[in-house]
Amino acid sequence: MKVSAIICELNPFHFGHKYFIDNIKKNVATHVIGIMSGNFTQRSEPSIISKKVRTQIALNEGIDLIIEIPTIWSMSTAEKYAFAGVYIANALGCVNNLCFAGEIGDVAPLQLIADTINSEAFNIHIQKYLYTGITFAKARELAVKEILGENYSSILVPPNNILAVEYLKSLSKLNSKISPYTIKRRGAGHDSSETCKNFASASYIRHLMQNKNEDFYKYIPKSSYEIISEEIKSLRAPADINLAERAILSNLRTMPKSDISSLCDVSEGIEGRIFKSSKNSSSLEQLIKNIKTKRYTMARIKRLIMYSFLGITKYYADLPITYIRVLGFNSKGLEILKKAKKTSSLPIVTKFSQINSLDNISKIVFAKECSCTDLYNMMLPSPGLCGQEQKYKIVVKNTVNTP
């Protein structure tokens, strides 16, 4: 058994993902694990379709086992998101390769950048640039440019390369035996509105879905389209943050500044801008615009707004990952689980009742996941009820024996 893991969102699964999975199974793996964001993504947005449906589609399209990245980490910075995914892969104890897509298809330059960022020289250079008030991402790019040159700093611009570097940093930090394997992206670029034959970016596909344009069928497998179409018809998709706009604004307007200060990732006085802007904004778009300065990226602002709505404070940021939660598997995934039961350094959870036997931190993390799902359900075309997380039944494909 050769097991590869990918850290993913599949929001939604498209032909680029299919190309990626097929390449992995052709070259390095007999079994593939998807370590996937739950109902909220790294863009600080609700996933366009629920994690259960994304799990079902992933299993149909070649992934064998889906494991969840809890919202606390799935909606975090690239560094924390990547570390959470790598930590879970490493904890399983049976993963041979960590596979990721990038713009260059070569691990060596990415590894050099990762090693450089982990160096003392880099810390000195980046602090110099951060002092000027620019964003962390820009300061990081300039620091790498100063040490390695523009050929390397330009690699850090595309988001997929940034995540790739973070994966490599995390593998080093954990002293992991997992080998990295990268595949060059095929088709449309990240966030691009351009298409290439039947390849399109996930963001463009989401745009089509949210605007009720059925042309999105061109860019996803047929079976996926049929499942998603049924979700749309049943008003369970697409999820949209704007459906909770007034709730988010109302929550922020009534939050004391001290509560805003306690939110995860709040620093450098941004709580004052959020507090003031929440009183002078009548839409999420206006709120983001009022908070924005050159120091704070749009991604960070959106993350802080969502943290306020979901109640993710600094307390949660310091919690460790203490369990591995299975969302779905097929017959090959069951083979992975049987092996992982013997090798995993963390308990593997396949049903809600198992949470009660875990430690208090696990219960706290799962309770937060439950409340986040309750709020996610308010962002659906037809709002869902509370308590769905506790009732979640893992998706089982092509097998009948649940571990």
Protein backbone atom coordinates (compact mmCIF):
# COMPACT_ATOMS: atom_id res chain seq x y z
CA MET A 1 0.00 0.00 0.00
CA LYS A 2 1.38 3.41 -1.06
CA VAL A 3 -0.60 6.17 0.61
CA SER A 4 -0.57 9.79 -0.53
CA ALA A 5 -2.34 12.66 1.20
CA ILE A 6 -3.58 15.91 -0.28
CA ILE A 7 -4.71 18.96 1.68
CA CYS A 8 -7.73 20.33 -0.10
CA GLU A 9 -11.02 22.21 -0.18
CA LEU A 10 -12.63 20.79 -3.36
CA ASN A 11 -14.90 23.82 -3.42
CA PRO A 12 -16.18 22.49 -5.77
CA PHE A 13 -14.40 19.46 -7.27
CA HIS A 14 -13.45 20.24 -10.89
CA PHE A 15 -11.45 18.79 -13.77
CA GLY A 16 -8.23 20.31 -12.42
CA HIS A 17 -8.71 18.25 -9.25
CA LYS A 18 -9.48 15.18 -11.35
CA TYR A 19 -6.24 15.63 -13.31
CA PHE A 20 -4.35 16.00 -10.03
CA ILE A 21 -5.81 12.87 -8.43
CA ASP A 22 -5.32 10.75 -11.56
CA ASN A 23 -1.69 11.89 -11.76
CA ILE A 24 -1.06 10.92 -8.13
CA LYS A 25 -2.54 7.45 -8.59
CA LYS A 26 -0.59 6.95 -11.79
CA ASN A 27 2.78 7.96 -10.36
CA VAL A 28 3.07 7.64 -6.59
CA ALA A 29 0.05 6.13 -4.84
CA THR A 30 -2.32 3.21 -4.65
CA HIS A 31 -4.46 5.00 -2.04
CA VAL A 32 -5.28 8.73 -1.66
CA ILE A 33 -6.42 10.60 1.43
CA GLY A 34 -8.09 14.00 1.14
CA ILE A 35 -7.54 16.12 4.25
CA MET A 36 -10.33 18.56 3.56
CA SER A 37 -11.69 21.81 4.97
CA GLY A 38 -15.11 21.48 6.55
CA ASN A 39 -17.96 23.91 5.95
CA PHE A 40 -15.70 26.98 6.02
CA THR A 41 -12.69 27.55 3.79
CA GLN A 42 -9.36 29.29 3.92
CA ARG A 43 -10.92 32.24 2.06
CA SER A 44 -13.00 32.85 5.21
CA GLU A 45 -16.17 31.96 3.34
CA PRO A 46 -18.74 29.19 3.64
CA SER A 47 -18.03 26.31 1.27
CA ILE A 48 -20.31 26.56 -1.77
CA ILE A 49 -21.70 23.10 -1.01
CA SER A 50 -21.64 21.23 2.29
CA LYS A 51 -18.72 19.10 3.39
CA LYS A 52 -20.90 16.00 3.23
CA VAL A 53 -21.72 16.57 -0.44
CA ARG A 54 -18.10 17.45 -1.24
CA THR A 55 -17.08 14.20 0.47
CA GLN A 56 -19.57 12.21 -1.62
CA ILE A 57 -18.25 13.80 -4.83
CA ALA A 58 -14.60 13.28 -3.85
CA LEU A 59 -15.17 9.58 -3.24
CA ASN A 60 -16.90 9.29 -6.62
CA GLU A 61 -13.93 10.94 -8.34
CA GLY A 62 -11.02 8.90 -7.00
CA ILE A 63 -10.20 9.98 -3.44
CA ASP A 64 -10.40 7.05 -1.04
CA LEU A 65 -10.65 8.63 2.39
CA ILE A 66 -11.78 12.11 3.47
CA ILE A 67 -10.64 13.54 6.81
CA GLU A 68 -11.80 16.90 8.12
CA ILE A 69 -9.74 19.97 8.96
CA PRO A 70 -11.86 21.61 11.70
CA THR A 71 -13.06 25.17 11.10
CA ILE A 72 -10.69 26.59 13.72
CA TRP A 73 -7.83 25.72 11.36
CA SER A 74 -9.49 25.48 7.94
CA MET A 75 -10.31 29.20 8.02
CA SER A 76 -6.93 30.28 9.38
CA THR A 77 -3.84 31.81 7.76
CA ALA A 78 -2.00 29.85 5.08
CA GLU A 79 0.67 28.93 7.63
CA LYS A 80 -1.77 27.58 10.24
CA TYR A 81 -4.02 25.93 7.65
CA ALA A 82 -1.07 24.14 6.08
CA PHE A 83 0.34 23.08 9.44
CA ALA A 84 -3.01 21.63 10.52
CA GLY A 85 -3.28 19.57 7.35
CA VAL A 86 0.30 18.32 7.56
CA TYR A 87 -0.07 17.60 11.27
CA ILE A 88 -3.08 15.37 10.59
CA ALA A 89 -1.28 13.58 7.74
CA ASN A 90 1.76 13.00 9.93
CA ALA A 91 -0.32 11.84 12.89
CA LEU A 92 -1.96 9.11 10.79
CA GLY A 93 1.42 7.38 10.70
CA CYS A 94 0.79 5.61 7.39
CA VAL A 95 1.17 8.39 4.80
CA ASN A 96 4.08 8.03 2.38
CA ASN A 97 3.70 11.21 0.32
CA LEU A 98 2.17 14.64 0.70
CA CYS A 99 1.07 15.76 -2.76
CA PHE A 100 0.30 19.32 -3.79
CA ALA A 101 -0.20 21.30 -6.97
CA GLY A 102 1.87 24.35 -7.87
CA GLU A 103 2.87 26.58 -10.73
CA ILE A 104 6.33 25.06 -11.26
CA GLY A 105 6.06 21.32 -10.62
CA ASP A 106 9.44 21.12 -8.86
CA VAL A 107 9.98 20.62 -5.12
CA ALA A 108 13.63 21.81 -5.02
CA PRO A 109 13.13 25.61 -5.36
CA LEU A 110 10.12 25.47 -3.05
CA GLN A 111 12.19 23.63 -0.45
CA LEU A 112 14.97 26.21 -0.71
CA ILE A 113 12.46 28.99 -0.09
CA ALA A 114 10.96 27.09 2.86
CA ASP A 115 14.41 26.57 4.39
CA THR A 116 15.23 30.24 3.85
CA ILE A 117 12.03 31.39 5.56
CA ASN A 118 12.90 29.18 8.52
CA SER A 119 16.33 30.86 8.85
CA GLU A 120 17.46 33.60 11.24
CA ALA A 121 18.59 35.77 8.32
CA PHE A 122 15.05 35.81 6.98
CA ASN A 123 13.65 36.95 10.34
CA ILE A 124 15.99 39.93 10.33
CA HIS A 125 15.05 40.94 6.79
CA ILE A 126 11.29 40.52 7.15
CA GLN A 127 11.16 42.57 10.35
CA LYS A 128 12.82 45.42 8.48
CA TYR A 129 10.08 45.38 5.84
CA LEU A 130 7.21 44.88 8.27
CA TYR A 131 8.37 48.02 10.07
CA THR A 132 7.44 50.02 6.95
CA GLY A 133 3.77 49.08 7.39
CA ILE A 134 3.32 46.79 4.37
CA THR A 135 1.47 43.47 4.51
CA PHE A 136 3.17 40.34 5.77
CA ALA A 137 2.87 38.70 2.35
CA LYS A 138 4.67 41.57 0.62
CA ALA A 139 7.32 41.77 3.35
CA ARG A 140 7.94 38.04 3.00
CA GLU A 141 8.33 38.35 -0.77
CA LEU A 142 10.82 41.24 -0.43
CA ALA A 143 12.83 39.41 2.25
CA VAL A 144 13.14 36.33 0.03
CA LYS A 145 14.11 38.54 -2.90
CA GLU A 146 16.89 40.13 -0.86
CA ILE A 147 18.30 36.75 0.18
CA LEU A 148 17.69 34.53 -2.87
CA GLY A 149 16.94 36.94 -5.70
CA GLU A 150 13.90 37.80 -7.80
CA ASN A 151 13.73 34.40 -9.51
CA TYR A 152 12.80 32.88 -6.17
CA SER A 153 10.70 35.71 -4.73
CA SER A 154 8.46 35.61 -7.81
CA ILE A 155 7.66 31.97 -6.98
CA LEU A 156 5.99 33.20 -3.80
CA VAL A 157 3.35 35.23 -5.62
CA PRO A 158 0.84 32.51 -6.72
CA PRO A 159 -1.31 31.29 -3.77
CA ASN A 160 -0.71 27.62 -4.55
CA ASN A 161 3.05 28.12 -4.31
CA ILE A 162 2.64 29.93 -1.00
CA LEU A 163 0.73 26.95 0.38
CA ALA A 164 3.32 24.55 -1.05
CA VAL A 165 6.08 26.38 0.83
CA GLU A 166 3.99 26.24 4.01
CA TYR A 167 3.52 22.48 3.58
CA LEU A 168 7.28 22.04 3.30
CA LYS A 169 7.90 24.24 6.34
CA SER A 170 5.42 22.14 8.31
CA LEU A 171 7.02 18.85 7.28
CA SER A 172 10.37 20.18 8.49
CA LYS A 173 8.91 21.51 11.72
CA LEU A 174 7.41 18.11 12.51
CA ASN A 175 10.56 16.27 11.38
CA SER A 176 8.16 14.19 9.31
CA LYS A 177 9.16 11.16 7.26
CA ILE A 178 6.48 12.00 4.68
CA SER A 179 7.98 12.82 1.26
CA PRO A 180 6.67 15.84 -0.67
CA TYR A 181 5.52 15.39 -4.26
CA THR A 182 4.36 18.26 -6.45
CA ILE A 183 2.45 18.36 -9.72
CA LYS A 184 2.32 21.37 -12.01
CA ARG A 185 -1.13 22.90 -12.18
CA ARG A 186 -3.02 22.42 -15.40
CA GLY A 187 -5.58 24.78 -16.91
CA ALA A 188 -6.89 28.08 -15.52
CA GLY A 189 -4.91 29.97 -12.91
CA HIS A 190 -5.98 30.44 -9.31
CA ASP A 191 -8.92 32.90 -9.07
CA SER A 192 -8.82 33.41 -12.84
CA SER A 193 -12.04 34.10 -14.76
CA GLU A 194 -10.41 32.70 -17.89
CA THR A 195 -11.09 29.13 -18.96
CA CYS A 196 -8.98 26.60 -20.85
CA LYS A 197 -11.09 23.97 -22.63
CA ASN A 198 -12.93 22.29 -19.74
CA PHE A 199 -10.60 23.68 -17.07
CA ALA A 200 -11.68 26.61 -14.90
CA SER A 201 -10.68 27.90 -11.47
CA ALA A 202 -12.84 26.95 -8.49
CA SER A 203 -13.55 30.64 -7.86
CA TYR A 204 -14.93 31.08 -11.40
CA ILE A 205 -17.10 27.97 -11.02
CA ARG A 206 -18.44 29.33 -7.72
CA HIS A 207 -19.16 32.64 -9.43
CA LEU A 208 -21.25 30.84 -12.06
CA MET A 209 -23.11 28.85 -9.40
CA GLN A 210 -23.89 31.90 -7.30
CA ASN A 211 -25.19 33.72 -10.36
CA LYS A 212 -27.41 30.79 -11.37
CA ASN A 213 -25.44 30.22 -14.55
CA GLU A 214 -25.66 26.54 -15.40
CA ASP A 215 -22.56 26.76 -17.59
CA PHE A 216 -20.62 25.55 -14.54
CA TYR A 217 -21.46 22.04 -15.76
CA LYS A 218 -18.71 22.42 -18.38
CA TYR A 219 -15.96 22.45 -15.78
CA ILE A 220 -16.90 19.64 -13.41
CA PRO A 221 -17.40 15.88 -13.88
CA LYS A 222 -20.91 14.86 -14.97
CA SER A 223 -21.70 12.89 -11.81
CA SER A 224 -20.63 15.89 -9.71
CA TYR A 225 -22.89 18.18 -11.73
CA GLU A 226 -25.86 15.88 -11.12
CA ILE A 227 -25.27 15.87 -7.36
CA ILE A 228 -24.74 19.63 -7.15
CA SER A 229 -27.78 20.32 -9.33
CA GLU A 230 -29.92 18.34 -6.91
CA GLU A 231 -28.50 20.35 -4.00
CA ILE A 232 -29.35 23.59 -5.79
CA LYS A 233 -32.83 22.36 -6.70
CA SER A 234 -33.42 21.42 -3.04
CA LEU A 235 -32.19 24.87 -1.88
CA ARG A 236 -29.25 23.34 0.02
CA ALA A 237 -26.77 25.18 -2.20
CA PRO A 238 -25.07 27.42 -3.06
CA ALA A 239 -24.06 28.68 0.36
CA ASP A 240 -23.55 32.45 0.38
CA ILE A 241 -22.09 34.65 3.12
CA ASN A 242 -24.40 37.47 2.00
CA LEU A 243 -27.41 35.48 3.20
CA ALA A 244 -26.09 36.07 6.73
CA GLU A 245 -25.00 39.66 6.08
CA ARG A 246 -27.38 41.34 8.53
CA ALA A 247 -26.68 38.76 11.21
CA ILE A 248 -22.92 39.32 10.84
CA LEU A 249 -23.28 43.11 10.95
CA SER A 250 -25.70 42.95 13.90
CA ASN A 251 -23.31 40.75 15.84
CA LEU A 252 -20.38 43.11 15.21
CA ARG A 253 -22.39 46.24 16.07
CA THR A 254 -23.17 44.85 19.51
CA MET A 255 -19.67 43.53 20.30
CA PRO A 256 -17.64 45.51 22.86
CA LYS A 257 -14.19 46.50 21.65
CA SER A 258 -12.70 44.17 24.27
CA ASP A 259 -14.49 41.21 22.67
CA ILE A 260 -13.18 42.19 19.25
CA SER A 261 -9.67 42.37 20.74
CA SER A 262 -10.02 38.77 21.93
CA LEU A 263 -10.69 37.43 18.44
CA CYS A 264 -8.11 35.17 16.83
CA ASP A 265 -5.55 37.04 14.67
CA VAL A 266 -6.48 40.50 16.02
CA SER A 267 -3.38 42.65 16.59
CA GLU A 268 -1.77 45.99 15.75
CA GLY A 269 -4.84 47.96 16.79
CA ILE A 270 -7.11 46.64 14.06
CA GLU A 271 -9.83 46.08 16.67
CA GLY A 272 -10.38 49.85 16.78
CA ARG A 273 -10.98 50.03 13.03
CA ILE A 274 -13.37 47.07 13.16
CA PHE A 275 -15.28 48.54 16.13
CA LYS A 276 -15.67 51.95 14.47
CA SER A 277 -16.37 50.61 10.98
CA SER A 278 -19.09 48.24 12.20
CA LYS A 279 -21.06 51.27 13.38
CA ASN A 280 -20.71 53.04 10.02
CA SER A 281 -21.31 50.22 7.54
CA SER A 282 -24.58 48.89 6.17
CA SER A 283 -23.13 46.04 4.11
CA LEU A 284 -20.25 43.59 4.28
CA GLU A 285 -18.68 45.18 1.23
CA GLN A 286 -18.78 48.60 2.87
CA LEU A 287 -17.47 47.18 6.16
CA ILE A 288 -14.44 45.61 4.47
CA LYS A 289 -13.77 48.82 2.54
CA ASN A 290 -13.92 50.90 5.74
CA ILE A 291 -11.49 48.64 7.59
CA LYS A 292 -9.02 48.26 4.72
CA THR A 293 -5.57 49.87 4.88
CA LYS A 294 -2.28 48.94 3.21
CA ARG A 295 -1.24 47.01 6.34
CA TYR A 296 -4.26 44.69 6.36
CA THR A 297 -5.02 42.42 3.42
CA MET A 298 -8.57 41.75 2.26
CA ALA A 299 -8.09 38.11 3.24
CA ARG A 300 -7.20 39.03 6.82
CA ILE A 301 -10.12 41.44 7.17
CA LYS A 302 -12.60 38.87 5.86
CA ARG A 303 -11.14 36.31 8.25
CA LEU A 304 -11.56 38.62 11.24
CA ILE A 305 -15.16 39.39 10.30
CA MET A 306 -15.96 35.69 10.07
CA TYR A 307 -14.12 35.00 13.33
CA SER A 308 -16.40 37.54 15.00
CA PHE A 309 -19.51 35.79 13.69
CA LEU A 310 -18.34 32.29 14.56
CA GLY A 311 -16.85 33.29 17.92
CA ILE A 312 -13.34 32.06 17.22
CA THR A 313 -11.15 33.77 19.79
CA LYS A 314 -7.43 33.64 20.55
CA TYR A 315 -8.22 30.84 22.99
CA TYR A 316 -9.01 28.50 20.09
CA ALA A 317 -5.88 29.48 18.18
CA ASP A 318 -3.71 27.96 20.89
CA LEU A 319 -5.50 24.61 21.03
CA PRO A 320 -3.77 21.52 19.63
CA ILE A 321 -5.34 19.07 17.19
CA THR A 322 -6.32 16.13 19.37
CA TYR A 323 -8.35 13.82 17.13
CA ILE A 324 -8.79 12.80 13.49
CA ARG A 325 -12.34 12.94 12.17
CA VAL A 326 -13.42 10.81 9.22
CA LEU A 327 -16.02 12.29 6.85
CA GLY A 328 -16.16 9.42 4.35
CA PHE A 329 -14.37 6.49 2.75
CA ASN A 330 -14.58 3.79 0.07
CA SER A 331 -13.18 0.24 0.12
CA LYS A 332 -9.60 1.49 -0.30
CA GLY A 333 -10.24 4.13 2.34
CA LEU A 334 -11.31 1.38 4.70
CA GLU A 335 -7.95 -0.31 4.08
CA ILE A 336 -6.21 2.94 5.05
CA LEU A 337 -8.33 3.22 8.20
CA LYS A 338 -7.53 -0.32 9.27
CA LYS A 339 -3.83 0.44 8.96
CA ALA A 340 -4.16 3.87 10.61
CA LYS A 341 -5.91 2.33 13.62
CA LYS A 342 -2.55 0.69 14.37
CA THR A 343 -0.24 3.58 13.43
CA SER A 344 -2.09 6.80 14.31
CA SER A 345 -0.85 8.89 17.22
CA LEU A 346 -4.32 10.47 17.57
CA PRO A 347 -7.72 8.85 18.11
CA ILE A 348 -9.73 8.38 14.91
CA VAL A 349 -13.36 9.47 15.16
CA THR A 350 -16.03 7.98 12.88
CA LYS A 351 -19.15 8.88 14.87
CA PHE A 352 -20.37 11.55 17.29
CA SER A 353 -20.63 9.25 20.31
CA GLN A 354 -16.85 8.72 20.26
CA ILE A 355 -16.26 12.39 21.12
CA ASN A 356 -17.62 11.78 24.63
CA SER A 357 -14.73 9.41 25.38
CA LEU A 358 -12.07 11.95 24.38
CA ASP A 359 -10.38 14.68 26.43
CA ASN A 360 -11.84 18.11 27.21
CA ILE A 361 -9.94 19.87 24.42
CA SER A 362 -11.45 17.50 21.86
CA LYS A 363 -14.92 18.19 23.25
CA ILE A 364 -14.31 21.95 23.07
CA VAL A 365 -13.09 21.78 19.47
CA PHE A 366 -16.02 19.62 18.41
CA ALA A 367 -18.53 21.88 20.22
CA LYS A 368 -17.17 24.84 18.25
CA GLU A 369 -17.50 22.81 15.04
CA CYS A 370 -21.14 22.17 15.92
CA SER A 371 -21.89 25.86 16.44
CA CYS A 372 -20.06 26.78 13.22
CA THR A 373 -22.19 24.30 11.27
CA ASP A 374 -25.35 25.75 12.84
CA LEU A 375 -24.31 29.18 11.51
CA TYR A 376 -23.24 27.73 8.14
CA ASN A 377 -26.77 26.42 7.76
CA MET A 378 -28.03 30.01 7.99
CA MET A 379 -26.07 30.77 4.81
CA LEU A 380 -27.98 28.27 2.68
CA PRO A 381 -30.82 29.31 0.34
CA SER A 382 -33.19 27.46 2.66
CA PRO A 383 -31.76 27.75 6.20
CA GLY A 384 -30.94 24.43 7.83
CA LEU A 385 -31.71 23.48 11.40
CA CYS A 386 -29.33 23.27 14.35
CA GLY A 387 -27.79 20.01 15.49
CA GLN A 388 -26.80 18.67 12.07
CA GLU A 389 -23.15 18.19 13.04
CA GLN A 390 -24.06 15.82 15.84
CA LYS A 391 -26.21 13.82 13.40
CA TYR A 392 -23.56 13.61 10.69
CA LYS A 393 -23.19 10.10 9.26
CA ILE A 394 -19.98 9.41 7.39
CA VAL A 395 -20.27 8.79 3.68
CA VAL A 396 -19.52 5.16 2.82
CA LYS A 397 -18.97 4.12 -0.79
CA ASN A 398 -18.41 0.59 -2.16
CA THR A 399 -18.12 -1.02 1.26
CA VAL A 400 -20.41 -1.91 4.14
CA ASN A 401 -18.24 -2.49 7.19
CA THR A 402 -17.73 0.71 9.17
CA PRO A 403 -14.69 0.55 11.52
